[in-house]
Amino acid sequence: MQKSYRAPNPGDKRPWFHIDAKDRPLGRLAVVIANKLRAKDLPTFDPSVDAGAFVIVTNAALVKLTGKKEEQKDYQRYSGYRNGLKHFTAAEMRASHPDRMIKEAVWGMLPKNNIARKMMTRLKVFAGESHVHAAQKPVEIKL
């Protein structure tokens, strides 16, 4: 029986997409990014095949949190040592590492396996307006 589509080869070129996170709700933004990384928006989607695109996110520091999440949302990091658990609010995370807010939201929407870890390497998040991937000619995604 013949396959209905051609599976992507490792040498195939992946598309690049650019998303501006300014004034976009964090969760809705993360859904769009996760779907692009997984290639879930393509008709040839297969959960066991890594065929996703590269995603560049700019203005991560200006992403919007609704309600009281700025003060109440809690992020945790654990060093592995005793007493190594650290807690941060979303406001503290935005001040120190705004890119991690988006990365953690996207990671929560991906399956926890080797393919997803590889997908996360294709996510490029920048706190400001500029990025270093202009040579890849990313396609702008309007949300």
N, C-alpha and C. Protein backbone atom coordinates (compact mmCIF):
# COMPACT_ATOMS: atom_id res chain seq x y z
N MET A 1 0.85 -1.18 0.00
CA MET A 1 0.00 0.00 0.00
C MET A 1 0.89 1.24 0.00
N GLN A 2 0.53 2.21 -0.78
CA GLN A 2 1.33 3.41 -0.93
C GLN A 2 0.92 4.45 0.11
N LYS A 3 1.92 5.18 0.61
CA LYS A 3 1.62 6.25 1.56
C LYS A 3 0.90 7.38 0.86
N SER A 4 0.08 8.10 1.61
CA SER A 4 -0.68 9.19 1.02
C SER A 4 0.12 10.49 1.00
N TYR A 5 1.28 10.50 1.63
CA TYR A 5 2.13 11.69 1.62
C TYR A 5 3.58 11.26 1.72
N ARG A 6 4.46 12.20 1.38
CA ARG A 6 5.89 11.93 1.48
C ARG A 6 6.38 12.37 2.84
N ALA A 7 7.00 11.47 3.57
CA ALA A 7 7.54 11.80 4.88
C ALA A 7 8.75 12.72 4.70
N PRO A 8 8.93 13.69 5.59
CA PRO A 8 10.06 14.62 5.43
C PRO A 8 11.40 13.92 5.65
N ASN A 9 12.36 14.31 4.86
CA ASN A 9 13.71 13.79 5.01
C ASN A 9 14.50 14.69 5.94
N PRO A 10 15.56 14.19 6.57
CA PRO A 10 16.36 15.05 7.44
C PRO A 10 17.00 16.23 6.70
N GLY A 11 17.22 16.10 5.41
CA GLY A 11 17.84 17.17 4.64
C GLY A 11 16.87 18.22 4.14
N ASP A 12 15.57 18.01 4.33
CA ASP A 12 14.58 18.99 3.85
C ASP A 12 14.74 20.31 4.58
N LYS A 13 14.49 21.40 3.85
CA LYS A 13 14.57 22.73 4.47
C LYS A 13 13.30 22.99 5.26
N ARG A 14 13.48 23.48 6.47
CA ARG A 14 12.34 23.82 7.32
C ARG A 14 12.03 25.30 7.15
N PRO A 15 10.76 25.66 7.15
CA PRO A 15 10.42 27.09 7.05
C PRO A 15 10.71 27.81 8.36
N TRP A 16 10.90 29.12 8.27
CA TRP A 16 11.11 29.98 9.43
C TRP A 16 9.93 30.92 9.53
N PHE A 17 9.42 31.09 10.76
CA PHE A 17 8.31 32.00 11.02
C PHE A 17 8.70 33.00 12.09
N HIS A 18 8.17 34.21 11.97
CA HIS A 18 8.43 35.26 12.95
C HIS A 18 7.10 35.69 13.57
N ILE A 19 7.06 35.75 14.90
CA ILE A 19 5.86 36.16 15.63
C ILE A 19 6.24 37.32 16.55
N ASP A 20 5.44 38.38 16.53
CA ASP A 20 5.63 39.51 17.44
C ASP A 20 4.70 39.29 18.63
N ALA A 21 5.27 39.18 19.83
CA ALA A 21 4.51 38.84 21.03
C ALA A 21 3.94 40.07 21.74
N LYS A 22 4.12 41.23 21.18
CA LYS A 22 3.67 42.46 21.85
C LYS A 22 2.16 42.46 22.04
N ASP A 23 1.72 42.60 23.30
CA ASP A 23 0.31 42.68 23.69
C ASP A 23 -0.50 41.46 23.26
N ARG A 24 0.13 40.30 23.18
CA ARG A 24 -0.57 39.05 22.87
C ARG A 24 -0.68 38.24 24.16
N PRO A 25 -1.83 37.62 24.45
CA PRO A 25 -1.95 36.78 25.65
C PRO A 25 -0.98 35.59 25.57
N LEU A 26 -0.33 35.30 26.68
CA LEU A 26 0.73 34.29 26.71
C LEU A 26 0.24 32.92 26.26
N GLY A 27 -0.89 32.46 26.75
CA GLY A 27 -1.37 31.13 26.41
C GLY A 27 -1.75 30.99 24.96
N ARG A 28 -2.42 31.99 24.41
CA ARG A 28 -2.84 31.93 23.01
C ARG A 28 -1.64 31.99 22.08
N LEU A 29 -0.63 32.75 22.49
CA LEU A 29 0.60 32.81 21.72
C LEU A 29 1.32 31.47 21.75
N ALA A 30 1.35 30.84 22.92
CA ALA A 30 2.04 29.56 23.07
C ALA A 30 1.39 28.46 22.24
N VAL A 31 0.08 28.50 22.09
CA VAL A 31 -0.62 27.49 21.28
C VAL A 31 -0.18 27.59 19.82
N VAL A 32 -0.10 28.81 19.30
CA VAL A 32 0.30 29.01 17.90
C VAL A 32 1.74 28.53 17.70
N ILE A 33 2.62 28.87 18.65
CA ILE A 33 4.03 28.47 18.54
C ILE A 33 4.16 26.96 18.60
N ALA A 34 3.47 26.32 19.55
CA ALA A 34 3.56 24.86 19.70
C ALA A 34 3.06 24.15 18.45
N ASN A 35 1.99 24.66 17.84
CA ASN A 35 1.47 24.03 16.62
C ASN A 35 2.44 24.17 15.46
N LYS A 36 3.14 25.29 15.36
CA LYS A 36 4.14 25.46 14.31
C LYS A 36 5.34 24.54 14.54
N LEU A 37 5.78 24.42 15.80
CA LEU A 37 6.92 23.55 16.10
C LEU A 37 6.61 22.08 15.82
N ARG A 38 5.38 21.66 16.09
CA ARG A 38 4.98 20.27 15.87
C ARG A 38 4.54 20.00 14.44
N ALA A 39 4.33 21.04 13.63
CA ALA A 39 3.79 20.94 12.27
C ALA A 39 2.36 20.42 12.31
N LYS A 40 1.65 20.77 13.38
CA LYS A 40 0.29 20.30 13.54
C LYS A 40 -0.68 20.99 12.59
N ASP A 41 -0.25 22.10 12.01
CA ASP A 41 -1.09 22.83 11.08
C ASP A 41 -0.94 22.33 9.64
N LEU A 42 -0.10 21.32 9.42
CA LEU A 42 0.11 20.76 8.08
C LEU A 42 -0.75 19.52 7.89
N PRO A 43 -1.17 19.24 6.66
CA PRO A 43 -1.98 18.04 6.43
C PRO A 43 -1.19 16.74 6.60
N THR A 44 0.13 16.84 6.60
CA THR A 44 0.96 15.64 6.74
C THR A 44 1.40 15.41 8.19
N PHE A 45 0.68 15.98 9.16
CA PHE A 45 1.07 15.86 10.56
C PHE A 45 1.09 14.40 11.00
N ASP A 46 2.19 14.04 11.65
CA ASP A 46 2.34 12.72 12.26
C ASP A 46 3.05 12.93 13.59
N PRO A 47 2.46 12.49 14.70
CA PRO A 47 3.07 12.76 16.01
C PRO A 47 4.46 12.15 16.18
N SER A 48 4.77 11.12 15.39
CA SER A 48 6.07 10.46 15.56
C SER A 48 7.14 11.01 14.62
N VAL A 49 6.78 12.01 13.78
CA VAL A 49 7.72 12.57 12.82
C VAL A 49 7.97 14.03 13.18
N ASP A 50 9.24 14.39 13.22
CA ASP A 50 9.62 15.76 13.54
C ASP A 50 9.71 16.55 12.24
N ALA A 51 8.63 17.24 11.87
CA ALA A 51 8.59 17.97 10.61
C ALA A 51 8.28 19.45 10.82
N GLY A 52 8.43 19.94 12.04
CA GLY A 52 8.05 21.31 12.38
C GLY A 52 9.00 22.36 11.86
N ALA A 53 8.61 23.60 12.05
CA ALA A 53 9.35 24.75 11.54
C ALA A 53 10.16 25.41 12.65
N PHE A 54 10.99 26.36 12.26
CA PHE A 54 11.68 27.23 13.20
C PHE A 54 10.74 28.39 13.52
N VAL A 55 10.71 28.83 14.76
CA VAL A 55 9.86 29.94 15.17
C VAL A 55 10.70 30.97 15.91
N ILE A 56 10.63 32.22 15.46
CA ILE A 56 11.32 33.34 16.10
C ILE A 56 10.25 34.19 16.78
N VAL A 57 10.44 34.47 18.06
CA VAL A 57 9.50 35.30 18.81
C VAL A 57 10.24 36.54 19.30
N THR A 58 9.72 37.71 18.98
CA THR A 58 10.32 38.96 19.45
C THR A 58 9.36 39.65 20.40
N ASN A 59 9.86 40.63 21.14
CA ASN A 59 9.09 41.39 22.13
C ASN A 59 8.51 40.49 23.22
N ALA A 60 9.29 39.52 23.67
CA ALA A 60 8.83 38.61 24.72
C ALA A 60 8.57 39.34 26.04
N ALA A 61 9.25 40.44 26.26
CA ALA A 61 9.06 41.21 27.50
C ALA A 61 7.72 41.92 27.52
N LEU A 62 7.07 42.05 26.38
CA LEU A 62 5.80 42.79 26.30
C LEU A 62 4.60 41.87 26.15
N VAL A 63 4.77 40.57 26.41
CA VAL A 63 3.65 39.63 26.31
C VAL A 63 2.65 39.96 27.41
N LYS A 64 1.36 39.72 27.13
CA LYS A 64 0.31 40.13 28.06
C LYS A 64 -0.12 38.96 28.93
N LEU A 65 -0.31 39.23 30.22
CA LEU A 65 -0.90 38.29 31.15
C LEU A 65 -2.22 38.88 31.62
N THR A 66 -3.29 38.10 31.59
CA THR A 66 -4.60 38.61 31.95
C THR A 66 -4.86 38.43 33.43
N GLY A 67 -5.81 39.17 33.94
CA GLY A 67 -6.20 39.05 35.34
C GLY A 67 -5.09 39.45 36.29
N LYS A 68 -4.95 38.70 37.38
CA LYS A 68 -3.93 38.99 38.40
C LYS A 68 -2.71 38.09 38.27
N LYS A 69 -2.51 37.51 37.07
CA LYS A 69 -1.41 36.56 36.89
C LYS A 69 -0.05 37.19 37.10
N GLU A 70 0.08 38.49 36.86
CA GLU A 70 1.37 39.16 37.02
C GLU A 70 1.89 39.01 38.45
N GLU A 71 1.00 39.04 39.45
CA GLU A 71 1.41 38.90 40.85
C GLU A 71 1.20 37.49 41.38
N GLN A 72 0.24 36.74 40.83
CA GLN A 72 -0.13 35.45 41.42
C GLN A 72 0.48 34.24 40.73
N LYS A 73 0.82 34.34 39.44
CA LYS A 73 1.39 33.18 38.74
C LYS A 73 2.77 32.89 39.29
N ASP A 74 3.03 31.60 39.55
CA ASP A 74 4.26 31.20 40.23
C ASP A 74 5.09 30.31 39.31
N TYR A 75 6.37 30.65 39.17
CA TYR A 75 7.33 29.81 38.44
C TYR A 75 8.29 29.21 39.45
N GLN A 76 8.73 27.98 39.20
CA GLN A 76 9.65 27.30 40.12
C GLN A 76 10.87 26.81 39.37
N ARG A 77 12.01 26.82 40.06
CA ARG A 77 13.25 26.22 39.55
C ARG A 77 13.87 25.44 40.69
N TYR A 78 14.44 24.30 40.38
CA TYR A 78 15.06 23.48 41.41
C TYR A 78 16.48 23.15 40.99
N SER A 79 17.45 23.45 41.86
CA SER A 79 18.85 23.26 41.54
C SER A 79 19.30 21.81 41.68
N GLY A 80 18.57 21.02 42.44
CA GLY A 80 18.97 19.64 42.68
C GLY A 80 19.57 19.46 44.06
N TYR A 81 19.90 20.55 44.72
CA TYR A 81 20.45 20.49 46.07
C TYR A 81 19.35 20.68 47.10
N ARG A 82 19.65 20.34 48.34
CA ARG A 82 18.70 20.60 49.42
C ARG A 82 18.45 22.10 49.51
N ASN A 83 17.22 22.48 49.77
CA ASN A 83 16.82 23.89 49.83
C ASN A 83 17.07 24.60 48.51
N GLY A 84 17.10 23.88 47.40
CA GLY A 84 17.41 24.47 46.12
C GLY A 84 16.18 24.90 45.33
N LEU A 85 14.98 24.84 45.94
CA LEU A 85 13.76 25.23 45.24
C LEU A 85 13.57 26.74 45.32
N LYS A 86 13.44 27.38 44.17
CA LYS A 86 13.26 28.83 44.11
C LYS A 86 11.90 29.13 43.48
N HIS A 87 11.22 30.13 44.01
CA HIS A 87 9.91 30.56 43.50
C HIS A 87 10.04 31.97 42.95
N PHE A 88 9.39 32.23 41.81
CA PHE A 88 9.37 33.55 41.20
C PHE A 88 7.94 33.86 40.78
N THR A 89 7.53 35.10 40.94
CA THR A 89 6.25 35.52 40.37
C THR A 89 6.48 35.85 38.89
N ALA A 90 5.38 36.02 38.18
CA ALA A 90 5.51 36.35 36.75
C ALA A 90 6.16 37.71 36.56
N ALA A 91 5.93 38.64 37.48
CA ALA A 91 6.56 39.97 37.38
C ALA A 91 8.07 39.86 37.53
N GLU A 92 8.53 39.03 38.49
CA GLU A 92 9.98 38.83 38.67
C GLU A 92 10.59 38.13 37.46
N MET A 93 9.87 37.16 36.91
CA MET A 93 10.36 36.43 35.74
C MET A 93 10.44 37.36 34.53
N ARG A 94 9.46 38.22 34.37
CA ARG A 94 9.47 39.17 33.26
C ARG A 94 10.64 40.14 33.38
N ALA A 95 10.96 40.54 34.60
CA ALA A 95 12.06 41.49 34.81
C ALA A 95 13.42 40.85 34.54
N SER A 96 13.60 39.58 34.94
CA SER A 96 14.92 38.96 34.81
C SER A 96 15.09 38.14 33.53
N HIS A 97 14.11 37.29 33.18
CA HIS A 97 14.21 36.41 32.01
C HIS A 97 12.87 36.35 31.28
N PRO A 98 12.52 37.38 30.51
CA PRO A 98 11.21 37.36 29.84
C PRO A 98 11.08 36.26 28.80
N ASP A 99 12.20 35.78 28.25
CA ASP A 99 12.12 34.72 27.25
C ASP A 99 11.68 33.39 27.87
N ARG A 100 12.00 33.17 29.13
CA ARG A 100 11.64 31.91 29.79
C ARG A 100 10.14 31.77 29.99
N MET A 101 9.43 32.88 30.10
CA MET A 101 7.97 32.81 30.25
C MET A 101 7.35 32.12 29.04
N ILE A 102 7.80 32.53 27.85
CA ILE A 102 7.25 31.95 26.63
C ILE A 102 7.75 30.52 26.45
N LYS A 103 9.02 30.26 26.73
CA LYS A 103 9.56 28.92 26.57
C LYS A 103 8.86 27.92 27.48
N GLU A 104 8.58 28.30 28.73
CA GLU A 104 7.91 27.39 29.65
C GLU A 104 6.46 27.17 29.26
N ALA A 105 5.80 28.20 28.72
CA ALA A 105 4.42 28.02 28.27
C ALA A 105 4.35 27.08 27.08
N VAL A 106 5.29 27.21 26.15
CA VAL A 106 5.31 26.33 24.98
C VAL A 106 5.68 24.91 25.40
N TRP A 107 6.65 24.77 26.29
CA TRP A 107 7.06 23.44 26.73
C TRP A 107 5.90 22.70 27.39
N GLY A 108 5.05 23.43 28.09
CA GLY A 108 3.88 22.80 28.72
C GLY A 108 2.88 22.27 27.72
N MET A 109 2.92 22.74 26.48
CA MET A 109 1.97 22.32 25.46
C MET A 109 2.53 21.26 24.52
N LEU A 110 3.78 20.87 24.71
CA LEU A 110 4.39 19.84 23.88
C LEU A 110 4.40 18.52 24.63
N PRO A 111 4.43 17.39 23.92
CA PRO A 111 4.58 16.12 24.61
C PRO A 111 5.98 16.03 25.23
N LYS A 112 6.09 15.31 26.32
CA LYS A 112 7.38 15.24 27.02
C LYS A 112 8.16 14.03 26.50
N ASN A 113 8.87 14.22 25.39
CA ASN A 113 9.66 13.15 24.81
C ASN A 113 10.86 13.73 24.07
N ASN A 114 11.66 12.87 23.44
CA ASN A 114 12.87 13.31 22.75
C ASN A 114 12.56 14.24 21.59
N ILE A 115 11.46 14.00 20.89
CA ILE A 115 11.11 14.85 19.75
C ILE A 115 10.80 16.26 20.23
N ALA A 116 10.10 16.38 21.33
CA ALA A 116 9.76 17.71 21.86
C ALA A 116 11.00 18.46 22.32
N ARG A 117 11.96 17.76 22.89
CA ARG A 117 13.20 18.43 23.30
C ARG A 117 13.93 18.98 22.08
N LYS A 118 13.87 18.26 20.98
CA LYS A 118 14.48 18.74 19.75
C LYS A 118 13.70 19.92 19.17
N MET A 119 12.37 19.89 19.32
CA MET A 119 11.54 20.99 18.84
C MET A 119 11.88 22.28 19.58
N MET A 120 12.14 22.17 20.87
CA MET A 120 12.42 23.37 21.66
C MET A 120 13.72 24.05 21.22
N THR A 121 14.62 23.32 20.60
CA THR A 121 15.85 23.95 20.11
C THR A 121 15.57 24.82 18.89
N ARG A 122 14.41 24.61 18.23
CA ARG A 122 14.05 25.42 17.07
C ARG A 122 13.24 26.65 17.45
N LEU A 123 12.99 26.85 18.74
CA LEU A 123 12.28 28.04 19.21
C LEU A 123 13.31 29.08 19.64
N LYS A 124 13.28 30.24 19.00
CA LYS A 124 14.21 31.33 19.28
C LYS A 124 13.41 32.50 19.84
N VAL A 125 13.64 32.83 21.12
CA VAL A 125 12.86 33.88 21.78
C VAL A 125 13.79 35.04 22.13
N PHE A 126 13.35 36.26 21.79
CA PHE A 126 14.13 37.46 22.07
C PHE A 126 13.26 38.44 22.85
N ALA A 127 13.85 39.06 23.88
CA ALA A 127 13.10 39.97 24.74
C ALA A 127 12.74 41.26 24.02
N GLY A 128 13.58 41.72 23.11
CA GLY A 128 13.36 43.00 22.44
C GLY A 128 12.81 42.85 21.04
N GLU A 129 12.91 43.95 20.30
CA GLU A 129 12.35 44.03 18.94
C GLU A 129 13.22 43.32 17.91
N SER A 130 14.54 43.31 18.10
CA SER A 130 15.44 42.80 17.07
C SER A 130 15.79 41.33 17.30
N HIS A 131 16.17 40.67 16.20
CA HIS A 131 16.65 39.29 16.28
C HIS A 131 17.77 39.11 15.26
N VAL A 132 18.52 38.02 15.40
CA VAL A 132 19.71 37.81 14.57
C VAL A 132 19.47 36.85 13.41
N HIS A 133 18.21 36.52 13.13
CA HIS A 133 17.90 35.52 12.11
C HIS A 133 17.27 36.13 10.86
N ALA A 134 17.66 37.36 10.52
CA ALA A 134 17.10 38.01 9.33
C ALA A 134 17.53 37.32 8.05
N ALA A 135 18.70 36.68 8.05
CA ALA A 135 19.20 36.01 6.84
C ALA A 135 18.33 34.81 6.45
N GLN A 136 17.59 34.25 7.40
CA GLN A 136 16.72 33.11 7.09
C GLN A 136 15.41 33.54 6.44
N LYS A 137 15.16 34.84 6.35
CA LYS A 137 13.94 35.40 5.74
C LYS A 137 12.68 34.78 6.34
N PRO A 138 12.44 34.99 7.63
CA PRO A 138 11.24 34.39 8.24
C PRO A 138 9.95 35.02 7.74
N VAL A 139 8.92 34.22 7.67
CA VAL A 139 7.59 34.67 7.25
C VAL A 139 6.88 35.22 8.49
N GLU A 140 6.34 36.42 8.38
CA GLU A 140 5.65 37.06 9.50
C GLU A 140 4.28 36.40 9.71
N ILE A 141 3.96 36.06 10.96
CA ILE A 141 2.66 35.50 11.29
C ILE A 141 1.89 36.57 12.05
N LYS A 142 0.74 36.96 11.54
CA LYS A 142 -0.13 37.94 12.20
C LYS A 142 -1.14 37.18 13.05
N LEU A 143 -1.22 37.56 14.32
CA LEU A 143 -2.18 36.90 15.21
C LEU A 143 -3.41 37.75 15.42
